[in-house]
PDB file of N, CA and C in Angstrom:
ATOM      1  N   MET A   1     -18.360   2.630   3.934  1.00  0.00           N
ATOM      2  CA  MET A   1     -17.495   1.750   3.340  1.00  0.00           C
ATOM      3  C   MET A   1     -16.793   2.400   2.146  1.00  0.00           C
ATOM      4  N   LYS A   2     -15.411   2.405   2.282  1.00  0.00           N
ATOM      5  CA  LYS A   2     -14.735   3.225   1.115  1.00  0.00           C
ATOM      6  C   LYS A   2     -14.880   2.164  -0.199  1.00  0.00           C
ATOM      7  N   LYS A   3     -14.570   2.763  -1.525  1.00  0.00           N
ATOM      8  CA  LYS A   3     -15.093   2.214  -2.701  1.00  0.00           C
ATOM      9  C   LYS A   3     -13.423   1.776  -3.066  1.00  0.00           C
ATOM     10  N   ASN A   4     -13.242   0.742  -3.850  1.00  0.00           N
ATOM     11  CA  ASN A   4     -11.933   0.416  -4.161  1.00  0.00           C
ATOM     12  C   ASN A   4     -11.209   1.287  -4.551  1.00  0.00           C
ATOM     13  N   GLU A   5     -11.752   1.943  -5.467  1.00  0.00           N
ATOM     14  CA  GLU A   5     -11.230   3.001  -6.839  1.00  0.00           C
ATOM     15  C   GLU A   5     -10.678   4.159  -5.714  1.00  0.00           C
ATOM     16  N   GLU A   6     -11.151   4.416  -4.790  1.00  0.00           N
ATOM     17  CA  GLU A   6     -10.945   5.610  -3.462  1.00  0.00           C
ATOM     18  C   GLU A   6      -9.814   4.830  -2.903  1.00  0.00           C
ATOM     19  N   ILE A   7      -9.899   3.977  -2.426  1.00  0.00           N
ATOM     20  CA  ILE A   7      -8.689   3.447  -1.454  1.00  0.00           C
ATOM     21  C   ILE A   7      -7.456   3.272  -2.496  1.00  0.00           C
ATOM     22  N   ILE A   8      -7.311   3.264  -3.673  1.00  0.00           N
ATOM     23  CA  ILE A   8      -6.332   3.079  -4.510  1.00  0.00           C
ATOM     24  C   ILE A   8      -5.569   4.385  -4.914  1.00  0.00           C
ATOM     25  N   GLN A   9      -6.919   5.220  -5.102  1.00  0.00           N
ATOM     26  CA  GLN A   9      -6.179   6.659  -5.042  1.00  0.00           C
ATOM     27  C   GLN A   9      -5.661   7.339  -3.904  1.00  0.00           C
ATOM     28  N   GLN A  10      -6.379   6.660  -2.941  1.00  0.00           N
ATOM     29  CA  GLN A  10      -5.394   7.203  -1.644  1.00  0.00           C
ATOM     30  C   GLN A  10      -4.260   6.631  -1.315  1.00  0.00           C
ATOM     31  N   ILE A  11      -3.993   5.035  -1.951  1.00  0.00           N
ATOM     32  CA  ILE A  11      -2.666   4.681  -1.579  1.00  0.00           C
ATOM     33  C   ILE A  11      -1.946   5.151  -2.644  1.00  0.00           C
ATOM     34  N   ASN A  12      -2.088   5.328  -3.981  1.00  0.00           N
ATOM     35  CA  ASN A  12      -0.938   6.063  -4.917  1.00  0.00           C
ATOM     36  C   ASN A  12      -0.811   7.204  -4.414  1.00  0.00           C
ATOM     37  N   GLY A  13      -1.826   8.186  -4.048  1.00  0.00           N
ATOM     38  CA  GLY A  13      -1.284   9.451  -3.457  1.00  0.00           C
ATOM     39  C   GLY A  13      -0.157   9.646  -2.180  1.00  0.00           C
ATOM     40  N   PHE A  14      -0.299   8.689  -1.468  1.00  0.00           N
ATOM     41  CA  PHE A  14       0.564   8.861  -0.174  1.00  0.00           C
ATOM     42  C   PHE A  14       1.750   7.758  -0.758  1.00  0.00           C
ATOM     43  N   LEU A  15       1.855   6.953  -1.814  1.00  0.00           N
ATOM     44  CA  LEU A  15       2.951   6.352  -2.113  1.00  0.00           C
ATOM     45  C   LEU A  15       3.875   7.374  -3.105  1.00  0.00           C
ATOM     46  N   ALA A  16       3.080   8.018  -3.926  1.00  0.00           N
ATOM     47  CA  ALA A  16       4.046   9.108  -4.813  1.00  0.00           C
ATOM     48  C   ALA A  16       4.667  10.147  -3.894  1.00  0.00           C
ATOM     49  N   GLU A  17       4.061  10.633  -2.809  1.00  0.00           N
ATOM     50  CA  GLU A  17       4.440  11.832  -1.998  1.00  0.00           C
ATOM     51  C   GLU A  17       5.505  11.044  -1.151  1.00  0.00           C
ATOM     52  N   GLU A  18       4.967  10.161  -0.351  1.00  0.00           N
ATOM     53  CA  GLU A  18       6.141   9.285   0.885  1.00  0.00           C
ATOM     54  C   GLU A  18       7.489   9.063   0.043  1.00  0.00           C
ATOM     55  N   PHE A  19       7.437   8.663  -1.086  1.00  0.00           N
ATOM     56  CA  PHE A  19       8.730   7.880  -1.494  1.00  0.00           C
ATOM     57  C   PHE A  19       9.008   8.503  -2.816  1.00  0.00           C
ATOM     58  N   GLU A  20       8.338   9.945  -2.950  1.00  0.00           N
ATOM     59  CA  GLU A  20       8.968  10.804  -4.092  1.00  0.00           C
ATOM     60  C   GLU A  20       9.103  10.144  -5.620  1.00  0.00           C
ATOM     61  N   VAL A  21       8.072   9.427  -5.823  1.00  0.00           N
ATOM     62  CA  VAL A  21       7.733   8.270  -7.171  1.00  0.00           C
ATOM     63  C   VAL A  21       6.769   9.248  -7.971  1.00  0.00           C
ATOM     64  N   ASP A  22       7.101   9.212  -9.580  1.00  0.00           N
ATOM     65  CA  ASP A  22       6.483   9.816 -10.173  1.00  0.00           C
ATOM     66  C   ASP A  22       5.053   9.027 -10.394  1.00  0.00           C
ATOM     67  N   ALA A  23       3.961   9.256 -10.049  1.00  0.00           N
ATOM     68  CA  ALA A  23       2.615   8.578  -9.761  1.00  0.00           C
ATOM     69  C   ALA A  23       2.312   7.666 -11.597  1.00  0.00           C
ATOM     70  N   GLU A  24       2.737   8.048 -12.635  1.00  0.00           N
ATOM     71  CA  GLU A  24       2.564   7.378 -13.594  1.00  0.00           C
ATOM     72  C   GLU A  24       3.361   6.044 -13.423  1.00  0.00           C
ATOM     73  N   LYS A  25       4.278   5.962 -12.740  1.00  0.00           N
ATOM     74  CA  LYS A  25       4.845   4.654 -12.623  1.00  0.00           C
ATOM     75  C   LYS A  25       4.409   3.658 -11.821  1.00  0.00           C
ATOM     76  N   ILE A  26       3.108   4.159 -11.030  1.00  0.00           N
ATOM     77  CA  ILE A  26       2.582   3.405 -10.103  1.00  0.00           C
ATOM     78  C   ILE A  26       1.738   2.811 -10.844  1.00  0.00           C
ATOM     79  N   THR A  27       1.806   1.659 -11.295  1.00  0.00           N
ATOM     80  CA  THR A  27       0.501   0.733 -11.975  1.00  0.00           C
ATOM     81  C   THR A  27       0.001  -0.477 -11.595  1.00  0.00           C
ATOM     82  N   PRO A  28      -0.876  -1.168 -11.793  1.00  0.00           N
ATOM     83  CA  PRO A  28      -1.261  -2.329 -10.986  1.00  0.00           C
ATOM     84  C   PRO A  28      -0.248  -3.493 -11.150  1.00  0.00           C
ATOM     85  N   GLY A  29       0.456  -3.566 -12.207  1.00  0.00           N
ATOM     86  CA  GLY A  29       1.021  -4.689 -12.610  1.00  0.00           C
ATOM     87  C   GLY A  29       2.640  -4.371 -12.414  1.00  0.00           C
ATOM     88  N   ALA A  30       2.853  -3.118 -11.764  1.00  0.00           N
ATOM     89  CA  ALA A  30       4.484  -2.628 -11.561  1.00  0.00           C
ATOM     90  C   ALA A  30       4.803  -3.266 -10.230  1.00  0.00           C
ATOM     91  N   ASN A  31       6.302  -3.887 -10.256  1.00  0.00           N
ATOM     92  CA  ASN A  31       6.907  -4.325  -8.855  1.00  0.00           C
ATOM     93  C   ASN A  31       6.966  -3.075  -8.123  1.00  0.00           C
ATOM     94  N   LEU A  32       6.273  -3.330  -6.662  1.00  0.00           N
ATOM     95  CA  LEU A  32       6.741  -2.623  -5.688  1.00  0.00           C
ATOM     96  C   LEU A  32       7.787  -2.053  -5.234  1.00  0.00           C
ATOM     97  N   ARG A  33       8.344  -3.196  -4.761  1.00  0.00           N
ATOM     98  CA  ARG A  33       9.729  -2.910  -4.582  1.00  0.00           C
ATOM     99  C   ARG A  33      10.610  -2.114  -5.465  1.00  0.00           C
ATOM    100  N   GLN A  34      10.885  -2.425  -6.727  1.00  0.00           N
ATOM    101  CA  GLN A  34      11.373  -1.825  -7.952  1.00  0.00           C
ATOM    102  C   GLN A  34      11.200  -0.358  -7.917  1.00  0.00           C
ATOM    103  N   VAL A  35       9.987   0.107  -7.999  1.00  0.00           N
ATOM    104  CA  VAL A  35       9.263   1.387  -8.546  1.00  0.00           C
ATOM    105  C   VAL A  35       9.474   2.294  -7.404  1.00  0.00           C
ATOM    106  N   LEU A  36       9.442   1.721  -6.247  1.00  0.00           N
ATOM    107  CA  LEU A  36       9.529   2.684  -4.870  1.00  0.00           C
ATOM    108  C   LEU A  36      10.832   2.479  -4.386  1.00  0.00           C
ATOM    109  N   GLU A  37      11.755   1.497  -4.984  1.00  0.00           N
ATOM    110  CA  GLU A  37      13.089   1.255  -4.337  1.00  0.00           C
ATOM    111  C   GLU A  37      13.081   0.943  -3.051  1.00  0.00           C
ATOM    112  N   LEU A  38      12.450   0.028  -2.348  1.00  0.00           N
ATOM    113  CA  LEU A  38      12.322   0.062  -1.213  1.00  0.00           C
ATOM    114  C   LEU A  38      13.544  -0.582  -0.371  1.00  0.00           C
ATOM    115  N   ASP A  39      14.239  -0.317   0.508  1.00  0.00           N
ATOM    116  CA  ASP A  39      15.044  -0.966   1.504  1.00  0.00           C
ATOM    117  C   ASP A  39      14.177  -1.496   2.781  1.00  0.00           C
ATOM    118  N   SER A  40      14.974  -1.945   3.725  1.00  0.00           N
ATOM    119  CA  SER A  40      14.220  -2.753   4.944  1.00  0.00           C
ATOM    120  C   SER A  40      14.037  -1.276   5.721  1.00  0.00           C
ATOM    121  N   LEU A  41      14.627  -0.139   5.603  1.00  0.00           N
ATOM    122  CA  LEU A  41      14.019   1.126   6.452  1.00  0.00           C
ATOM    123  C   LEU A  41      12.991   1.285   5.977  1.00  0.00           C
ATOM    124  N   ASP A  42      12.606   1.350   4.502  1.00  0.00           N
ATOM    125  CA  ASP A  42      11.702   2.193   3.448  1.00  0.00           C
ATOM    126  C   ASP A  42      10.545   1.426   4.058  1.00  0.00           C
ATOM    127  N   TYR A  43      10.519   0.091   4.077  1.00  0.00           N
ATOM    128  CA  TYR A  43       9.375  -0.703   4.560  1.00  0.00           C
ATOM    129  C   TYR A  43       8.938  -0.499   5.828  1.00  0.00           C
ATOM    130  N   ILE A  44       9.661   0.081   6.980  1.00  0.00           N
ATOM    131  CA  ILE A  44       9.059   0.221   8.113  1.00  0.00           C
ATOM    132  C   ILE A  44       8.588   1.973   7.948  1.00  0.00           C
ATOM    133  N   ASP A  45       8.656   2.326   7.005  1.00  0.00           N
ATOM    134  CA  ASP A  45       7.981   3.882   6.624  1.00  0.00           C
ATOM    135  C   ASP A  45       6.786   3.621   5.923  1.00  0.00           C
ATOM    136  N   LEU A  46       6.708   2.800   5.152  1.00  0.00           N
ATOM    137  CA  LEU A  46       5.841   1.997   4.499  1.00  0.00           C
ATOM    138  C   LEU A  46       4.833   1.597   5.371  1.00  0.00           C
ATOM    139  N   VAL A  47       5.102   0.675   6.449  1.00  0.00           N
ATOM    140  CA  VAL A  47       3.890   0.159   7.353  1.00  0.00           C
ATOM    141  C   VAL A  47       3.478   1.102   8.121  1.00  0.00           C
ATOM    142  N   VAL A  48       4.229   2.273   8.932  1.00  0.00           N
ATOM    143  CA  VAL A  48       3.527   3.712   9.365  1.00  0.00           C
ATOM    144  C   VAL A  48       2.455   4.077   8.523  1.00  0.00           C
ATOM    145  N   VAL A  49       2.883   4.432   7.492  1.00  0.00           N
ATOM    146  CA  VAL A  49       2.310   5.322   6.267  1.00  0.00           C
ATOM    147  C   VAL A  49       0.860   4.268   6.355  1.00  0.00           C
ATOM    148  N   ILE A  50       0.551   3.209   6.078  1.00  0.00           N
ATOM    149  CA  ILE A  50      -0.588   2.526   5.984  1.00  0.00           C
ATOM    150  C   ILE A  50      -1.056   2.431   7.391  1.00  0.00           C
ATOM    151  N   GLU A  51      -0.521   2.020   8.463  1.00  0.00           N
ATOM    152  CA  GLU A  51      -0.945   2.149   9.515  1.00  0.00           C
ATOM    153  C   GLU A  51      -1.864   3.488  10.023  1.00  0.00           C
ATOM    154  N   SER A  52      -1.296   4.693   9.633  1.00  0.00           N
ATOM    155  CA  SER A  52      -1.523   6.018   9.866  1.00  0.00           C
ATOM    156  C   SER A  52      -2.967   6.390   8.877  1.00  0.00           C
ATOM    157  N   ASN A  53      -2.663   5.936   7.680  1.00  0.00           N
ATOM    158  CA  ASN A  53      -3.862   6.142   6.803  1.00  0.00           C
ATOM    159  C   ASN A  53      -5.097   5.111   6.983  1.00  0.00           C
ATOM    160  N   PHE A  54      -5.030   3.869   7.199  1.00  0.00           N
ATOM    161  CA  PHE A  54      -5.762   3.140   7.536  1.00  0.00           C
ATOM    162  C   PHE A  54      -6.236   2.551   8.637  1.00  0.00           C
ATOM    163  N   SER A  55      -5.632   2.808   9.660  1.00  0.00           N
ATOM    164  CA  SER A  55      -5.897   2.481  10.987  1.00  0.00           C
ATOM    165  C   SER A  55      -5.964   0.946  11.337  1.00  0.00           C
ATOM    166  N   PHE A  56      -4.904   0.170  10.718  1.00  0.00           N
ATOM    167  CA  PHE A  56      -4.942  -1.092  11.144  1.00  0.00           C
ATOM    168  C   PHE A  56      -3.239  -1.634  11.324  1.00  0.00           C
ATOM    169  N   LYS A  57      -2.987  -2.548  12.025  1.00  0.00           N
ATOM    170  CA  LYS A  57      -1.710  -3.288  12.273  1.00  0.00           C
ATOM    171  C   LYS A  57      -1.381  -3.552  11.105  1.00  0.00           C
ATOM    172  N   VAL A  58      -0.295  -3.581  10.585  1.00  0.00           N
ATOM    173  CA  VAL A  58       0.753  -4.362   9.859  1.00  0.00           C
ATOM    174  C   VAL A  58       1.802  -5.677  10.096  1.00  0.00           C
ATOM    175  N   LYS A  59       1.737  -6.766   9.822  1.00  0.00           N
ATOM    176  CA  LYS A  59       2.417  -7.615  10.334  1.00  0.00           C
ATOM    177  C   LYS A  59       3.480  -7.809   9.327  1.00  0.00           C
ATOM    178  N   PRO A  60       4.734  -7.887   9.380  1.00  0.00           N
ATOM    179  CA  PRO A  60       5.669  -8.222   8.408  1.00  0.00           C
ATOM    180  C   PRO A  60       5.601  -9.201   7.366  1.00  0.00           C
ATOM    181  N   GLU A  61       5.138 -10.284   8.201  1.00  0.00           N
ATOM    182  CA  GLU A  61       4.745 -11.579   7.490  1.00  0.00           C
ATOM    183  C   GLU A  61       3.474 -10.941   6.148  1.00  0.00           C
ATOM    184  N   ASP A  62       2.676  -9.845   6.417  1.00  0.00           N
ATOM    185  CA  ASP A  62       1.570  -9.583   5.642  1.00  0.00           C
ATOM    186  C   ASP A  62       2.465  -9.101   3.837  1.00  0.00           C
ATOM    187  N   PHE A  63       3.411  -8.847   4.277  1.00  0.00           N
ATOM    188  CA  PHE A  63       4.439  -8.441   2.882  1.00  0.00           C
ATOM    189  C   PHE A  63       5.074  -9.422   2.100  1.00  0.00           C
ATOM    190  N   VAL A  64       5.227 -10.449   2.754  1.00  0.00           N
ATOM    191  CA  VAL A  64       5.856 -11.746   1.533  1.00  0.00           C
ATOM    192  C   VAL A  64       5.042 -12.180   0.505  1.00  0.00           C
ATOM    193  N   ASN A  65       3.556 -11.881   0.436  1.00  0.00           N
ATOM    194  CA  ASN A  65       3.358 -12.249  -0.927  1.00  0.00           C
ATOM    195  C   ASN A  65       3.137 -11.187  -1.927  1.00  0.00           C
ATOM    196  N   ILE A  66       3.276 -10.001  -1.335  1.00  0.00           N
ATOM    197  CA  ILE A  66       3.213  -8.588  -2.149  1.00  0.00           C
ATOM    198  C   ILE A  66       4.190  -8.593  -2.960  1.00  0.00           C
ATOM    199  N   ILE A  67       3.834  -8.346  -4.461  1.00  0.00           N
ATOM    200  CA  ILE A  67       4.963  -8.337  -5.208  1.00  0.00           C
ATOM    201  C   ILE A  67       4.736  -7.197  -6.111  1.00  0.00           C
ATOM    202  N   SER A  68       3.403  -7.021  -6.838  1.00  0.00           N
ATOM    203  CA  SER A  68       2.922  -6.334  -7.712  1.00  0.00           C
ATOM    204  C   SER A  68       2.027  -4.900  -6.787  1.00  0.00           C
ATOM    205  N   PHE A  69       1.898  -3.954  -7.605  1.00  0.00           N
ATOM    206  CA  PHE A  69       1.001  -2.717  -6.581  1.00  0.00           C
ATOM    207  C   PHE A  69      -0.278  -3.309  -6.759  1.00  0.00           C
ATOM    208  N   GLN A  70      -1.049  -4.345  -7.700  1.00  0.00           N
ATOM    209  CA  GLN A  70      -1.898  -5.033  -7.539  1.00  0.00           C
ATOM    210  C   GLN A  70      -2.001  -5.708  -6.257  1.00  0.00           C
ATOM    211  N   ASP A  71      -1.178  -6.540  -5.732  1.00  0.00           N
ATOM    212  CA  ASP A  71      -1.285  -7.203  -4.769  1.00  0.00           C
ATOM    213  C   ASP A  71      -1.103  -6.372  -3.093  1.00  0.00           C
ATOM    214  N   PHE A  72      -0.635  -5.242  -3.390  1.00  0.00           N
ATOM    215  CA  PHE A  72      -0.653  -4.031  -2.528  1.00  0.00           C
ATOM    216  C   PHE A  72      -1.952  -3.823  -2.123  1.00  0.00           C
ATOM    217  N   TYR A  73      -2.740  -3.435  -3.411  1.00  0.00           N
ATOM    218  CA  TYR A  73      -4.094  -2.558  -3.393  1.00  0.00           C
ATOM    219  C   TYR A  73      -5.003  -3.938  -2.446  1.00  0.00           C
ATOM    220  N   ASP A  74      -4.749  -5.213  -3.285  1.00  0.00           N
ATOM    221  CA  ASP A  74      -5.646  -6.187  -2.555  1.00  0.00           C
ATOM    222  C   ASP A  74      -5.538  -6.196  -1.355  1.00  0.00           C
ATOM    223  N   TYR A  75      -4.491  -6.325  -1.026  1.00  0.00           N
ATOM    224  CA  TYR A  75      -4.105  -6.563   0.436  1.00  0.00           C
ATOM    225  C   TYR A  75      -4.729  -5.458   1.359  1.00  0.00           C
ATOM    226  N   ILE A  76      -4.404  -4.072   1.159  1.00  0.00           N
ATOM    227  CA  ILE A  76      -4.990  -2.921   1.589  1.00  0.00           C
ATOM    228  C   ILE A  76      -6.706  -2.914   1.611  1.00  0.00           C
ATOM    229  N   ILE A  77      -7.072  -3.424   0.565  1.00  0.00           N
ATOM    230  CA  ILE A  77      -8.654  -3.266   0.402  1.00  0.00           C
ATOM    231  C   ILE A  77      -9.189  -4.403   1.148  1.00  0.00           C
ATOM    232  N   SER A  78      -8.712  -5.539   1.409  1.00  0.00           N
ATOM    233  CA  SER A  78      -9.292  -6.550   2.240  1.00  0.00           C
ATOM    234  C   SER A  78      -8.931  -6.258   3.667  1.00  0.00           C
ATOM    235  N   ARG A  79      -8.254  -5.771   3.907  1.00  0.00           N
ATOM    236  CA  ARG A  79      -7.924  -5.561   5.407  1.00  0.00           C
ATOM    237  C   ARG A  79      -8.752  -4.043   5.866  1.00  0.00           C
ATOM    238  N   VAL A  80      -9.014  -3.044   4.953  1.00  0.00           N
ATOM    239  CA  VAL A  80     -10.020  -2.089   5.391  1.00  0.00           C
ATOM    240  C   VAL A  80     -11.326  -2.547   5.248  1.00  0.00           C
ATOM    241  N   ASN A  81     -11.657  -3.618   4.213  1.00  0.00           N
ATOM    242  CA  ASN A  81     -13.080  -3.932   4.063  1.00  0.00           C
ATOM    243  C   ASN A  81     -13.051  -5.067   5.355  1.00  0.00           C
ATOM    244  N   SER A  82     -12.299  -5.719   5.935  1.00  0.00           N
ATOM    245  CA  SER A  82     -12.693  -6.844   6.909  1.00  0.00           C
ATOM    246  C   SER A  82     -12.815  -6.011   8.135  1.00  0.00           C
ATOM    247  N   LYS A  83     -12.165  -4.776   8.211  1.00  0.00           N
ATOM    248  CA  LYS A  83     -12.423  -3.999   9.505  1.00  0.00           C
ATOM    249  C   LYS A  83     -13.630  -3.378   9.602  1.00  0.00           C
ATOM    250  N   ALA A  84     -14.081  -3.060   8.565  1.00  0.00           N
ATOM    251  CA  ALA A  84     -15.307  -2.112   8.286  1.00  0.00           C
ATOM    252  C   ALA A  84     -16.523  -3.324   8.988  1.00  0.00           C
ATOM    253  N   LEU A  85     -16.165  -4.335   8.874  1.00  0.00           N
ATOM    254  CA  LEU A  85     -17.679  -5.572   8.961  1.00  0.00           C
ATOM    255  C   LEU A  85     -17.449  -5.704  10.284  1.00  0.00           C
ATOM    256  N   VAL A  86     -16.288  -5.635  11.227  1.00  0.00           N
ATOM    257  CA  VAL A  86     -16.350  -5.884  12.496  1.00  0.00           C
ATOM    258  C   VAL A  86     -17.046  -4.957  13.545  1.00  0.00           C
TER     259      VAL A  86
END
């Protein structure tokens, strides 16, 4: 099972690369949509990147409660950890 810090580093790495964002702007309290400048097509890209990096399916409703990067980290970590228990 991966450690949470490793998962967060992996997330930050692919977000900075995929969305061409300065990694320093990616902080736990920052607003995910604003920092990444997400539009509806970007969400599709984000889902594809998550699924390819972490091997689980993402449902659109999963994003309803994700506002900050911390929310995003918590979501990914919980999904990765629950998958590891199966």
